[in-house]
Amino acid sequence: MAKYLFVYHGGSKPETAEQQAAVMDAWGQWFGSMGSAVIDGGNPVGMSSTVQSDGSVVNDGGSNPASGYSLVEASDLDDAIAKAKGCPILGSGGSIEVAEAFDM
């Protein structure tokens, strides 16, 4: 099985404790549906900075800043994409970047 990095972009934040509980439950169900394929459930991330090739730093997160990540196993890219399509972030306006992670 190959490893795939899921980089989450965007998505809305829950405003109430009830909404937060519902979102956490949806993420738990999604991770549970993938079972042992979840290598690292990951975490949300804060605003990012970008170090440019000339050494300058851009602190605005870029045009599509990451909001979190996970690492999962899948048989191939199509399987990884199928797994990503069940992610709750898609229901809140977010997107998922899927890339194979190679062992070095």
Protein backbone atom coordinates (compact mmCIF):
# COMPACT_ATOMS: atom_id res chain seq x y z
CA MET A 1 0.00 0.00 0.00
CA ALA A 2 1.17 3.50 -0.83
CA LYS A 3 0.96 6.46 1.55
CA TYR A 4 -0.94 9.59 0.58
CA LEU A 5 -0.83 13.03 2.13
CA PHE A 6 -4.17 14.79 2.40
CA VAL A 7 -3.72 18.55 2.73
CA TYR A 8 -6.92 20.29 3.70
CA HIS A 9 -7.67 23.80 2.46
CA GLY A 10 -10.37 26.13 3.72
CA GLY A 11 -13.57 24.96 5.31
CA SER A 12 -15.65 26.86 7.82
CA LYS A 13 -15.19 26.70 11.58
CA PRO A 14 -18.12 25.66 13.77
CA GLU A 15 -19.58 28.55 15.73
CA THR A 16 -21.30 26.75 18.61
CA ALA A 17 -20.39 23.88 20.91
CA GLU A 18 -23.12 21.79 19.28
CA GLN A 19 -21.75 22.47 15.79
CA GLN A 20 -18.24 21.66 16.98
CA ALA A 21 -19.43 18.34 18.44
CA ALA A 22 -21.21 17.49 15.18
CA VAL A 23 -18.09 18.30 13.13
CA MET A 24 -15.85 16.25 15.41
CA ASP A 25 -18.31 13.35 15.18
CA ALA A 26 -18.32 13.55 11.37
CA TRP A 27 -14.50 13.51 11.27
CA GLY A 28 -14.44 10.57 13.70
CA GLN A 29 -16.89 8.64 11.55
CA TRP A 30 -14.89 9.36 8.40
CA PHE A 31 -11.60 8.27 9.97
CA GLY A 32 -13.38 5.21 11.39
CA SER A 33 -14.67 4.28 7.93
CA MET A 34 -11.06 4.08 6.71
CA GLY A 35 -9.93 1.91 9.62
CA SER A 36 -6.24 0.98 9.60
CA ALA A 37 -5.66 2.98 6.40
CA VAL A 38 -5.34 6.06 8.62
CA ILE A 39 -1.63 6.27 9.40
CA ASP A 40 -1.78 9.72 10.99
CA GLY A 41 -5.09 11.49 11.46
CA GLY A 42 -3.14 14.74 11.44
CA ASN A 43 -4.15 18.06 12.88
CA PRO A 44 -5.50 21.44 11.91
CA VAL A 45 -2.80 24.03 11.24
CA GLY A 46 -2.49 27.76 11.79
CA MET A 47 -1.77 30.47 9.24
CA SER A 48 1.28 29.62 7.17
CA SER A 49 4.26 31.61 6.00
CA THR A 50 6.07 31.01 2.72
CA VAL A 51 9.84 31.33 2.37
CA GLN A 52 10.59 32.43 -1.20
CA SER A 53 13.67 31.34 -3.20
CA ASP A 54 15.25 34.75 -2.58
CA GLY A 55 14.85 34.34 1.19
CA SER A 56 11.95 36.76 1.53
CA VAL A 57 8.96 35.66 3.61
CA VAL A 58 5.28 36.03 2.81
CA ASN A 59 3.10 35.76 5.92
CA ASP A 60 -0.39 35.75 4.44
CA GLY A 61 -0.81 32.00 3.94
CA GLY A 62 -0.71 32.24 0.17
CA SER A 63 -3.58 31.98 -2.28
CA ASN A 64 -4.96 28.73 -0.83
CA PRO A 65 -3.52 28.20 2.67
CA ALA A 66 -3.49 24.76 4.25
CA SER A 67 -5.91 24.26 7.14
CA GLY A 68 -4.76 20.75 8.15
CA TYR A 69 -3.36 17.41 7.04
CA SER A 70 -3.66 13.62 7.35
CA LEU A 71 -1.62 10.67 6.10
CA VAL A 72 -3.48 7.60 4.81
CA GLU A 73 -2.70 4.36 3.01
CA ALA A 74 -4.36 3.56 -0.29
CA SER A 75 -3.80 1.06 -3.08
CA ASP A 76 -3.34 3.84 -5.66
CA LEU A 77 -4.21 7.46 -6.37
CA ASP A 78 -7.78 6.60 -7.39
CA ASP A 79 -8.31 4.81 -4.07
CA ALA A 80 -6.85 7.78 -2.17
CA ILE A 81 -9.14 10.18 -4.03
CA ALA A 82 -12.15 7.95 -3.28
CA LYS A 83 -11.23 8.05 0.42
CA ALA A 84 -10.78 11.83 0.31
CA LYS A 85 -14.24 12.30 -1.19
CA GLY A 86 -15.78 11.19 2.12
CA CYS A 87 -14.07 13.95 4.13
CA PRO A 88 -16.34 16.29 6.12
CA ILE A 89 -14.34 19.38 5.10
CA LEU A 90 -15.89 19.14 1.64
CA GLY A 91 -19.31 19.83 3.15
CA SER A 92 -18.08 23.08 4.67
CA GLY A 93 -16.64 24.58 1.49
CA GLY A 94 -13.11 23.18 1.84
CA SER A 95 -10.99 21.14 -0.52
CA ILE A 96 -8.38 18.39 -0.25
CA GLU A 97 -5.07 18.17 -2.05
CA VAL A 98 -4.01 14.50 -2.44
CA ALA A 99 -0.38 13.57 -3.09
CA GLU A 100 1.57 10.34 -2.80
CA ALA A 101 4.20 10.41 -0.04
CA PHE A 102 7.36 8.51 -0.93
CA ASP A 103 9.59 6.77 1.60
CA MET A 104 13.17 7.92 1.34
